[in-house]
Amino acid sequence: STGDPFVIQNADRLNHIACLLLVLQVVGLAIDTLMNLFPDAITKHISIGYDGISASGVLAALLIFVLAQIFRRGSEMRAELEGTV
């Protein structure tokens, strides 16, 4: 709420968030694949709450990557502006 939002640290944070969203998709897929290796008698009573790779989850990660680049470019433009004044 105070200060400049276009700093490199915010861009890095957004990159980390996007990476974590993608990792969640990959880990869910890996766990689902692992669960399918066990017989149905074992896994029929276990629910992991994963229904496959979510298109909205992947899209959210991509949009956050784009937003991180916008913040990165904004911080670069801010630094250029500080250098000219």
Protein backbone atom coordinates (compact mmCIF):
# COMPACT_ATOMS: atom_id res chain seq x y z
CA SER A 1 0.00 0.00 0.00
CA THR A 2 3.01 2.27 0.38
CA GLY A 3 6.01 2.68 -1.83
CA ASP A 4 6.63 1.62 -5.39
CA PRO A 5 5.10 -1.71 -6.46
CA PHE A 6 7.41 -1.94 -9.48
CA VAL A 7 10.48 -3.31 -7.75
CA ILE A 8 12.47 -6.34 -8.78
CA GLN A 9 11.59 -8.18 -5.54
CA ASN A 10 7.89 -8.18 -6.47
CA ALA A 11 8.69 -9.61 -9.88
CA ASP A 12 10.76 -12.34 -8.22
CA ARG A 13 7.92 -13.12 -5.81
CA LEU A 14 5.46 -13.43 -8.68
CA ASN A 15 7.86 -15.75 -10.52
CA HIS A 16 8.10 -17.94 -7.42
CA ILE A 17 4.30 -18.05 -7.10
CA ALA A 18 3.91 -19.07 -10.74
CA CYS A 19 6.56 -21.78 -10.36
CA LEU A 20 4.79 -23.14 -7.29
CA LEU A 21 1.49 -23.26 -9.17
CA LEU A 22 3.12 -25.31 -11.91
CA VAL A 23 4.80 -27.56 -9.35
CA LEU A 24 1.39 -28.21 -7.77
CA GLN A 25 0.10 -29.43 -11.13
CA VAL A 26 3.10 -31.71 -11.67
CA VAL A 27 3.03 -33.12 -8.13
CA GLY A 28 -0.69 -33.83 -8.42
CA LEU A 29 -0.13 -35.63 -11.69
CA ALA A 30 2.73 -37.66 -10.18
CA ILE A 31 0.67 -38.66 -7.15
CA ASP A 32 -2.29 -39.60 -9.35
CA THR A 33 -0.02 -41.74 -11.53
CA LEU A 34 1.46 -43.39 -8.47
CA MET A 35 -2.00 -44.10 -7.05
CA ASN A 36 -3.01 -45.76 -10.32
CA LEU A 37 -0.15 -48.25 -9.95
CA PHE A 38 -1.79 -49.78 -6.86
CA PRO A 39 -4.70 -52.23 -7.18
CA ASP A 40 -8.24 -50.85 -6.93
CA ALA A 41 -8.83 -52.84 -3.74
CA ILE A 42 -6.27 -50.65 -2.00
CA THR A 43 -7.08 -47.28 -3.57
CA LYS A 44 -10.88 -47.37 -3.80
CA HIS A 45 -11.22 -45.91 -0.29
CA ILE A 46 -8.53 -43.24 -0.79
CA SER A 47 -9.25 -39.93 -2.43
CA ILE A 48 -6.49 -37.43 -3.14
CA GLY A 49 -8.80 -34.82 -4.64
CA TYR A 50 -6.98 -34.63 -7.96
CA ASP A 51 -8.95 -34.75 -11.20
CA GLY A 52 -6.12 -34.27 -13.69
CA ILE A 53 -4.15 -31.29 -14.84
CA SER A 54 -6.29 -28.21 -14.45
CA ALA A 55 -6.38 -25.92 -17.48
CA SER A 56 -7.27 -23.01 -15.23
CA GLY A 57 -4.31 -23.80 -12.95
CA VAL A 58 -1.87 -23.84 -15.85
CA LEU A 59 -3.44 -20.67 -17.29
CA ALA A 60 -3.16 -18.95 -13.91
CA ALA A 61 0.53 -19.86 -13.72
CA LEU A 62 1.15 -18.52 -17.22
CA LEU A 63 -0.69 -15.30 -16.47
CA ILE A 64 1.33 -14.81 -13.29
CA PHE A 65 4.53 -15.35 -15.29
CA VAL A 66 3.38 -12.60 -17.66
CA LEU A 67 2.50 -10.34 -14.74
CA ALA A 68 5.96 -10.94 -13.26
CA GLN A 69 7.53 -9.81 -16.52
CA ILE A 70 5.36 -6.69 -16.49
CA PHE A 71 6.56 -5.90 -12.97
CA ARG A 72 10.16 -6.59 -14.00
CA ARG A 73 9.87 -4.24 -16.99
CA GLY A 74 8.17 -1.63 -14.79
CA SER A 75 11.06 -1.75 -12.34
CA GLU A 76 13.54 -1.37 -15.21
CA MET A 77 11.62 1.62 -16.56
CA ARG A 78 11.51 3.14 -13.07
CA ALA A 79 15.29 2.74 -12.78
CA GLU A 80 15.78 4.38 -16.18
CA LEU A 81 13.53 7.25 -15.13
CA GLU A 82 15.51 7.76 -11.91
CA GLY A 83 18.71 7.87 -13.97
CA THR A 84 17.44 10.59 -16.30
CA VAL A 85 16.08 12.96 -13.69
